[in-house]
Amino acid sequence: MDAAETETVGEGPRALRRAPPERAPGRAGFTILEAVLGVVVLGILLALAVPRIDTGLRRARLQSASAELATAHFLARTAAMRYGRPAQLHIDAANARFWVQVDTSIAGGTSDTVGFVHRLSDAGITVTSTRAILCFDR
């Protein structure tokens, strides 16, 4: 580096010399062609990924619904044992919902829904069943 390329700050023996900032040769940035090509590549990648993501989401909803049904089945069995009375797992296939019902009163005679009514129609799952009620004895 010679004296023409440096800048001197201050005077005398304590003067500081500073080199000019380095500049990249040519122009910085993207051309229109490079930007369009990047967008096209991104679009192709998204077109390939979206169907796989949709399939994964559908699979997750189906697994969640089957886990809910298995939990309701278990709840009906344990409610029958807990209360010492028959418990029923109701399956309303036409409306895509199911729930557990059992007599929870001490004297008996009134049935109550244990847990909550599960609605599968919100997840876009269709339900078919040959049974409307599964009954569990003590």
N, C-alpha and C. Protein backbone atom coordinates (compact mmCIF):
# COMPACT_ATOMS: atom_id res chain seq x y z
N MET A 1 0.86 -1.15 0.00
CA MET A 1 0.00 0.00 0.00
C MET A 1 0.91 1.23 0.00
N ASP A 2 0.68 2.13 -0.95
CA ASP A 2 1.53 3.32 -0.99
C ASP A 2 0.82 4.52 -0.40
N ALA A 3 1.47 5.64 -0.37
CA ALA A 3 0.95 6.84 0.29
C ALA A 3 -0.28 7.38 -0.41
N ALA A 4 -0.45 7.15 -1.72
CA ALA A 4 -1.59 7.67 -2.46
C ALA A 4 -2.88 6.95 -2.07
N GLU A 5 -2.79 5.71 -1.57
CA GLU A 5 -3.97 4.92 -1.24
C GLU A 5 -4.41 5.10 0.21
N THR A 6 -3.66 5.75 1.03
CA THR A 6 -4.00 5.91 2.44
C THR A 6 -4.48 7.30 2.73
N GLU A 7 -5.21 7.43 3.82
CA GLU A 7 -5.70 8.71 4.29
C GLU A 7 -5.04 8.98 5.63
N THR A 8 -4.53 10.19 5.84
CA THR A 8 -3.87 10.54 7.08
C THR A 8 -4.81 11.35 7.94
N VAL A 9 -4.92 10.94 9.20
CA VAL A 9 -5.75 11.66 10.15
C VAL A 9 -4.83 12.26 11.20
N GLY A 10 -4.87 13.55 11.38
CA GLY A 10 -4.01 14.21 12.35
C GLY A 10 -2.70 14.63 11.71
N GLU A 11 -1.87 15.33 12.52
CA GLU A 11 -0.57 15.80 12.02
C GLU A 11 0.52 15.39 12.98
N GLY A 12 1.72 15.41 12.51
CA GLY A 12 2.87 15.15 13.34
C GLY A 12 3.17 13.67 13.49
N PRO A 13 4.02 13.35 14.54
CA PRO A 13 4.45 11.97 14.69
C PRO A 13 3.31 11.04 15.14
N ARG A 14 2.23 11.57 15.68
CA ARG A 14 1.12 10.72 16.15
C ARG A 14 -0.01 10.62 15.12
N ALA A 15 0.22 10.99 13.94
CA ALA A 15 -0.79 10.93 12.89
C ALA A 15 -1.13 9.47 12.57
N LEU A 16 -2.42 9.22 12.32
CA LEU A 16 -2.90 7.87 11.99
C LEU A 16 -3.16 7.78 10.50
N ARG A 17 -2.80 6.65 9.95
CA ARG A 17 -3.07 6.41 8.54
C ARG A 17 -4.14 5.34 8.42
N ARG A 18 -5.14 5.62 7.61
CA ARG A 18 -6.24 4.69 7.44
C ARG A 18 -6.37 4.35 5.96
N ALA A 19 -6.54 3.04 5.70
CA ALA A 19 -6.71 2.59 4.32
C ALA A 19 -8.16 2.80 3.89
N PRO A 20 -8.41 3.08 2.63
CA PRO A 20 -9.78 3.26 2.16
C PRO A 20 -10.55 1.93 2.26
N PRO A 21 -11.88 1.98 2.40
CA PRO A 21 -12.65 0.73 2.48
C PRO A 21 -12.51 -0.08 1.20
N GLU A 22 -12.49 -1.39 1.36
CA GLU A 22 -12.35 -2.29 0.21
C GLU A 22 -13.67 -2.35 -0.53
N ARG A 23 -13.62 -2.33 -1.82
CA ARG A 23 -14.82 -2.41 -2.64
C ARG A 23 -14.73 -3.63 -3.53
N ALA A 24 -15.88 -4.28 -3.67
CA ALA A 24 -15.92 -5.46 -4.54
C ALA A 24 -15.89 -4.99 -5.99
N PRO A 25 -15.22 -5.73 -6.82
CA PRO A 25 -15.19 -5.35 -8.23
C PRO A 25 -16.57 -5.60 -8.87
N GLY A 26 -17.00 -4.76 -9.75
CA GLY A 26 -18.28 -4.94 -10.43
C GLY A 26 -19.43 -4.40 -9.58
N ARG A 27 -20.66 -4.73 -9.98
CA ARG A 27 -21.84 -4.25 -9.27
C ARG A 27 -22.35 -5.33 -8.32
N ALA A 28 -22.92 -4.91 -7.18
CA ALA A 28 -23.48 -5.84 -6.22
C ALA A 28 -24.98 -5.99 -6.48
N GLY A 29 -25.59 -7.13 -6.06
CA GLY A 29 -27.03 -7.34 -6.20
C GLY A 29 -27.35 -8.43 -7.20
N PHE A 30 -28.68 -8.60 -7.43
CA PHE A 30 -29.17 -9.64 -8.34
C PHE A 30 -29.71 -8.99 -9.60
N THR A 31 -29.62 -9.73 -10.68
CA THR A 31 -30.26 -9.26 -11.90
C THR A 31 -31.70 -9.74 -11.90
N ILE A 32 -32.51 -9.19 -12.77
CA ILE A 32 -33.92 -9.59 -12.88
C ILE A 32 -34.00 -11.08 -13.24
N LEU A 33 -33.14 -11.53 -14.13
CA LEU A 33 -33.15 -12.92 -14.55
C LEU A 33 -32.86 -13.85 -13.37
N GLU A 34 -31.91 -13.50 -12.54
CA GLU A 34 -31.60 -14.32 -11.37
C GLU A 34 -32.77 -14.35 -10.39
N ALA A 35 -33.42 -13.22 -10.18
CA ALA A 35 -34.56 -13.16 -9.26
C ALA A 35 -35.73 -14.01 -9.79
N VAL A 36 -36.03 -13.90 -11.08
CA VAL A 36 -37.12 -14.69 -11.68
C VAL A 36 -36.79 -16.17 -11.61
N LEU A 37 -35.57 -16.53 -11.89
CA LEU A 37 -35.16 -17.93 -11.82
C LEU A 37 -35.30 -18.47 -10.40
N GLY A 38 -34.95 -17.67 -9.42
CA GLY A 38 -35.11 -18.08 -8.02
C GLY A 38 -36.56 -18.29 -7.66
N VAL A 39 -37.45 -17.40 -8.11
CA VAL A 39 -38.88 -17.55 -7.85
C VAL A 39 -39.43 -18.79 -8.53
N VAL A 40 -39.01 -19.08 -9.74
CA VAL A 40 -39.47 -20.27 -10.46
C VAL A 40 -39.04 -21.54 -9.72
N VAL A 41 -37.80 -21.59 -9.29
CA VAL A 41 -37.31 -22.76 -8.55
C VAL A 41 -38.08 -22.93 -7.25
N LEU A 42 -38.33 -21.84 -6.55
CA LEU A 42 -39.11 -21.89 -5.31
C LEU A 42 -40.53 -22.38 -5.57
N GLY A 43 -41.14 -21.93 -6.66
CA GLY A 43 -42.49 -22.38 -7.02
C GLY A 43 -42.54 -23.87 -7.32
N ILE A 44 -41.54 -24.38 -8.01
CA ILE A 44 -41.49 -25.82 -8.31
C ILE A 44 -41.34 -26.62 -7.03
N LEU A 45 -40.48 -26.18 -6.13
CA LEU A 45 -40.30 -26.88 -4.86
C LEU A 45 -41.58 -26.88 -4.04
N LEU A 46 -42.30 -25.76 -4.00
CA LEU A 46 -43.57 -25.70 -3.27
C LEU A 46 -44.61 -26.61 -3.91
N ALA A 47 -44.66 -26.66 -5.24
CA ALA A 47 -45.62 -27.52 -5.93
C ALA A 47 -45.37 -28.99 -5.61
N LEU A 48 -44.13 -29.35 -5.38
CA LEU A 48 -43.81 -30.73 -5.01
C LEU A 48 -44.10 -31.01 -3.54
N ALA A 49 -43.97 -30.01 -2.68
CA ALA A 49 -44.10 -30.22 -1.24
C ALA A 49 -45.54 -30.16 -0.74
N VAL A 50 -46.40 -29.35 -1.35
CA VAL A 50 -47.77 -29.16 -0.85
C VAL A 50 -48.57 -30.46 -0.80
N PRO A 51 -48.57 -31.32 -1.82
CA PRO A 51 -49.34 -32.57 -1.71
C PRO A 51 -48.85 -33.47 -0.57
N ARG A 52 -47.56 -33.49 -0.34
CA ARG A 52 -47.03 -34.32 0.75
C ARG A 52 -47.44 -33.76 2.11
N ILE A 53 -47.46 -32.45 2.24
CA ILE A 53 -47.89 -31.83 3.49
C ILE A 53 -49.36 -32.12 3.74
N ASP A 54 -50.19 -32.02 2.68
CA ASP A 54 -51.62 -32.29 2.81
C ASP A 54 -51.86 -33.74 3.22
N THR A 55 -51.15 -34.67 2.62
CA THR A 55 -51.28 -36.08 2.99
C THR A 55 -50.87 -36.30 4.43
N GLY A 56 -49.82 -35.67 4.87
CA GLY A 56 -49.37 -35.81 6.26
C GLY A 56 -50.39 -35.26 7.24
N LEU A 57 -51.02 -34.13 6.90
CA LEU A 57 -52.04 -33.55 7.77
C LEU A 57 -53.27 -34.45 7.86
N ARG A 58 -53.68 -35.02 6.73
CA ARG A 58 -54.82 -35.95 6.73
C ARG A 58 -54.52 -37.17 7.59
N ARG A 59 -53.32 -37.70 7.46
CA ARG A 59 -52.93 -38.87 8.25
C ARG A 59 -52.93 -38.54 9.74
N ALA A 60 -52.45 -37.35 10.09
CA ALA A 60 -52.43 -36.94 11.50
C ALA A 60 -53.84 -36.79 12.05
N ARG A 61 -54.77 -36.23 11.27
CA ARG A 61 -56.15 -36.10 11.73
C ARG A 61 -56.79 -37.46 11.93
N LEU A 62 -56.53 -38.40 11.02
CA LEU A 62 -57.10 -39.75 11.14
C LEU A 62 -56.53 -40.47 12.37
N GLN A 63 -55.23 -40.35 12.62
CA GLN A 63 -54.64 -40.96 13.79
C GLN A 63 -55.18 -40.35 15.07
N SER A 64 -55.42 -39.06 15.07
CA SER A 64 -55.99 -38.39 16.22
C SER A 64 -57.41 -38.87 16.49
N ALA A 65 -58.20 -39.03 15.43
CA ALA A 65 -59.58 -39.50 15.59
C ALA A 65 -59.61 -40.94 16.09
N SER A 66 -58.73 -41.79 15.59
CA SER A 66 -58.70 -43.17 16.07
C SER A 66 -58.24 -43.24 17.53
N ALA A 67 -57.33 -42.35 17.92
CA ALA A 67 -56.91 -42.30 19.32
C ALA A 67 -58.05 -41.83 20.21
N GLU A 68 -58.85 -40.88 19.75
CA GLU A 68 -60.01 -40.42 20.51
C GLU A 68 -61.03 -41.54 20.71
N LEU A 69 -61.27 -42.33 19.65
CA LEU A 69 -62.22 -43.44 19.75
C LEU A 69 -61.69 -44.51 20.71
N ALA A 70 -60.42 -44.81 20.64
CA ALA A 70 -59.83 -45.79 21.56
C ALA A 70 -59.91 -45.29 23.01
N THR A 71 -59.70 -44.00 23.22
CA THR A 71 -59.81 -43.42 24.56
C THR A 71 -61.24 -43.50 25.07
N ALA A 72 -62.21 -43.21 24.21
CA ALA A 72 -63.62 -43.30 24.61
C ALA A 72 -63.99 -44.74 24.92
N HIS A 73 -63.47 -45.69 24.18
CA HIS A 73 -63.71 -47.11 24.44
C HIS A 73 -63.17 -47.49 25.81
N PHE A 74 -61.96 -47.06 26.10
CA PHE A 74 -61.34 -47.32 27.40
C PHE A 74 -62.13 -46.64 28.52
N LEU A 75 -62.59 -45.41 28.28
CA LEU A 75 -63.37 -44.67 29.26
C LEU A 75 -64.68 -45.39 29.57
N ALA A 76 -65.34 -45.95 28.57
CA ALA A 76 -66.59 -46.69 28.79
C ALA A 76 -66.33 -47.93 29.65
N ARG A 77 -65.27 -48.65 29.35
CA ARG A 77 -64.94 -49.85 30.15
C ARG A 77 -64.63 -49.48 31.60
N THR A 78 -63.80 -48.46 31.80
CA THR A 78 -63.43 -48.10 33.17
C THR A 78 -64.59 -47.46 33.92
N ALA A 79 -65.47 -46.74 33.23
CA ALA A 79 -66.64 -46.15 33.90
C ALA A 79 -67.58 -47.25 34.37
N ALA A 80 -67.74 -48.30 33.58
CA ALA A 80 -68.59 -49.43 34.00
C ALA A 80 -68.02 -50.09 35.25
N MET A 81 -66.71 -50.24 35.30
CA MET A 81 -66.09 -50.84 36.49
C MET A 81 -66.16 -49.89 37.69
N ARG A 82 -65.96 -48.61 37.46
CA ARG A 82 -65.94 -47.64 38.56
C ARG A 82 -67.31 -47.49 39.22
N TYR A 83 -68.35 -47.35 38.40
CA TYR A 83 -69.68 -47.13 38.96
C TYR A 83 -70.44 -48.43 39.22
N GLY A 84 -69.91 -49.53 38.75
CA GLY A 84 -70.58 -50.82 38.97
C GLY A 84 -71.89 -50.95 38.22
N ARG A 85 -72.01 -50.21 37.14
CA ARG A 85 -73.22 -50.22 36.32
C ARG A 85 -72.82 -50.29 34.86
N PRO A 86 -73.73 -50.71 34.00
CA PRO A 86 -73.40 -50.74 32.57
C PRO A 86 -73.09 -49.34 32.02
N ALA A 87 -72.10 -49.27 31.17
CA ALA A 87 -71.74 -48.03 30.49
C ALA A 87 -71.89 -48.25 28.99
N GLN A 88 -72.23 -47.19 28.27
CA GLN A 88 -72.49 -47.31 26.84
C GLN A 88 -71.61 -46.34 26.05
N LEU A 89 -71.02 -46.86 25.02
CA LEU A 89 -70.30 -46.03 24.07
C LEU A 89 -71.23 -45.82 22.88
N HIS A 90 -71.76 -44.61 22.75
CA HIS A 90 -72.69 -44.29 21.66
C HIS A 90 -71.91 -43.84 20.44
N ILE A 91 -72.26 -44.40 19.28
CA ILE A 91 -71.61 -44.03 18.02
C ILE A 91 -72.70 -43.54 17.07
N ASP A 92 -72.67 -42.24 16.79
CA ASP A 92 -73.61 -41.63 15.86
C ASP A 92 -72.88 -41.42 14.54
N ALA A 93 -72.90 -42.45 13.68
CA ALA A 93 -72.13 -42.40 12.44
C ALA A 93 -72.68 -41.36 11.47
N ALA A 94 -73.98 -41.14 11.48
CA ALA A 94 -74.57 -40.17 10.55
C ALA A 94 -74.07 -38.75 10.81
N ASN A 95 -73.84 -38.41 12.06
CA ASN A 95 -73.36 -37.07 12.42
C ASN A 95 -71.87 -37.06 12.79
N ALA A 96 -71.19 -38.18 12.62
CA ALA A 96 -69.75 -38.31 12.88
C ALA A 96 -69.38 -37.88 14.29
N ARG A 97 -70.05 -38.48 15.28
CA ARG A 97 -69.73 -38.15 16.67
C ARG A 97 -69.93 -39.39 17.54
N PHE A 98 -69.28 -39.38 18.71
CA PHE A 98 -69.43 -40.47 19.67
C PHE A 98 -69.23 -39.93 21.08
N TRP A 99 -69.79 -40.67 22.08
CA TRP A 99 -69.70 -40.24 23.47
C TRP A 99 -69.96 -41.44 24.37
N VAL A 100 -69.61 -41.30 25.65
CA VAL A 100 -69.79 -42.35 26.65
C VAL A 100 -70.90 -41.91 27.59
N GLN A 101 -71.83 -42.83 27.86
CA GLN A 101 -72.94 -42.53 28.76
C GLN A 101 -73.02 -43.62 29.81
N VAL A 102 -73.19 -43.21 31.08
CA VAL A 102 -73.26 -44.16 32.19
C VAL A 102 -74.11 -43.55 33.29
N ASP A 103 -74.73 -44.41 34.11
CA ASP A 103 -75.50 -43.95 35.27
C ASP A 103 -74.51 -43.65 36.38
N THR A 104 -74.36 -42.36 36.70
CA THR A 104 -73.38 -41.96 37.72
C THR A 104 -74.02 -41.63 39.06
N SER A 105 -75.34 -41.69 39.15
CA SER A 105 -76.00 -41.34 40.41
C SER A 105 -75.88 -42.47 41.41
N ILE A 106 -76.00 -42.15 42.68
CA ILE A 106 -75.89 -43.15 43.75
C ILE A 106 -77.12 -44.05 43.75
N ALA A 107 -78.30 -43.45 43.61
CA ALA A 107 -79.54 -44.23 43.64
C ALA A 107 -79.77 -44.97 42.33
N GLY A 108 -79.23 -44.48 41.25
CA GLY A 108 -79.41 -45.14 39.96
C GLY A 108 -80.60 -44.56 39.22
N GLY A 109 -80.64 -44.77 37.94
CA GLY A 109 -81.77 -44.34 37.15
C GLY A 109 -81.52 -43.18 36.21
N THR A 110 -80.52 -42.36 36.47
CA THR A 110 -80.22 -41.24 35.57
C THR A 110 -78.88 -41.45 34.89
N SER A 111 -78.90 -41.42 33.60
CA SER A 111 -77.62 -41.59 32.90
C SER A 111 -77.05 -40.23 32.55
N ASP A 112 -75.72 -40.18 32.51
CA ASP A 112 -75.01 -38.92 32.28
C ASP A 112 -73.89 -39.18 31.27
N THR A 113 -73.55 -38.16 30.52
CA THR A 113 -72.44 -38.27 29.59
C THR A 113 -71.14 -38.08 30.36
N VAL A 114 -70.25 -39.06 30.24
CA VAL A 114 -68.95 -39.00 30.90
C VAL A 114 -67.95 -38.50 29.87
N GLY A 115 -67.19 -37.50 30.22
CA GLY A 115 -66.28 -36.89 29.25
C GLY A 115 -67.04 -35.90 28.40
N PHE A 116 -66.75 -35.87 27.11
CA PHE A 116 -67.45 -34.94 26.22
C PHE A 116 -67.79 -35.65 24.92
N VAL A 117 -68.65 -35.03 24.15
CA VAL A 117 -69.06 -35.58 22.86
C VAL A 117 -67.97 -35.27 21.85
N HIS A 118 -67.45 -36.30 21.21
CA HIS A 118 -66.38 -36.15 20.22
C HIS A 118 -67.02 -35.94 18.85
N ARG A 119 -66.67 -34.86 18.18
CA ARG A 119 -67.19 -34.57 16.84
C ARG A 119 -66.06 -34.72 15.83
N LEU A 120 -66.23 -35.67 14.92
CA LEU A 120 -65.20 -35.92 13.93
C LEU A 120 -65.46 -35.19 12.62
N SER A 121 -66.65 -34.64 12.45
CA SER A 121 -66.98 -33.95 11.21
C SER A 121 -66.13 -32.69 11.04
N ASP A 122 -65.68 -32.08 12.14
CA ASP A 122 -64.84 -30.89 12.05
C ASP A 122 -63.50 -31.20 11.40
N ALA A 123 -63.02 -32.43 11.57
CA ALA A 123 -61.73 -32.82 11.00
C ALA A 123 -61.86 -33.37 9.59
N GLY A 124 -63.10 -33.41 9.07
CA GLY A 124 -63.31 -33.91 7.71
C GLY A 124 -63.22 -35.42 7.61
N ILE A 125 -63.56 -36.14 8.68
CA ILE A 125 -63.48 -37.60 8.70
C ILE A 125 -64.90 -38.15 8.64
N THR A 126 -65.10 -39.12 7.77
CA THR A 126 -66.41 -39.77 7.68
C THR A 126 -66.39 -41.02 8.55
N VAL A 127 -67.54 -41.32 9.16
CA VAL A 127 -67.64 -42.45 10.08
C VAL A 127 -68.68 -43.42 9.55
N THR A 128 -68.34 -44.69 9.54
CA THR A 128 -69.30 -45.75 9.23
C THR A 128 -69.25 -46.76 10.36
N SER A 129 -70.42 -47.23 10.77
CA SER A 129 -70.48 -48.19 11.86
C SER A 129 -71.70 -49.07 11.70
N THR A 130 -71.59 -50.34 12.05
CA THR A 130 -72.74 -51.24 12.02
C THR A 130 -73.42 -51.28 13.38
N ARG A 131 -72.84 -50.65 14.37
CA ARG A 131 -73.41 -50.60 15.72
C ARG A 131 -73.64 -49.15 16.12
N ALA A 132 -74.71 -48.93 16.88
CA ALA A 132 -74.98 -47.59 17.41
C ALA A 132 -74.53 -47.47 18.85
N ILE A 133 -74.52 -48.61 19.58
CA ILE A 133 -74.14 -48.58 21.00
C ILE A 133 -73.29 -49.80 21.30
N LEU A 134 -72.20 -49.56 22.02
CA LEU A 134 -71.39 -50.65 22.60
C LEU A 134 -71.63 -50.59 24.10
N CYS A 135 -72.11 -51.67 24.66
CA CYS A 135 -72.45 -51.69 26.09
C CYS A 135 -71.39 -52.47 26.85
N PHE A 136 -70.94 -51.91 27.98
CA PHE A 136 -69.93 -52.56 28.82
C PHE A 136 -70.56 -52.84 30.17
N ASP A 137 -70.51 -54.10 30.59
CA ASP A 137 -70.99 -54.47 31.91
C ASP A 137 -69.88 -54.22 32.91
N ARG A 138 -70.26 -54.34 34.18
CA ARG A 138 -69.27 -54.14 35.23
C ARG A 138 -68.16 -55.09 35.01
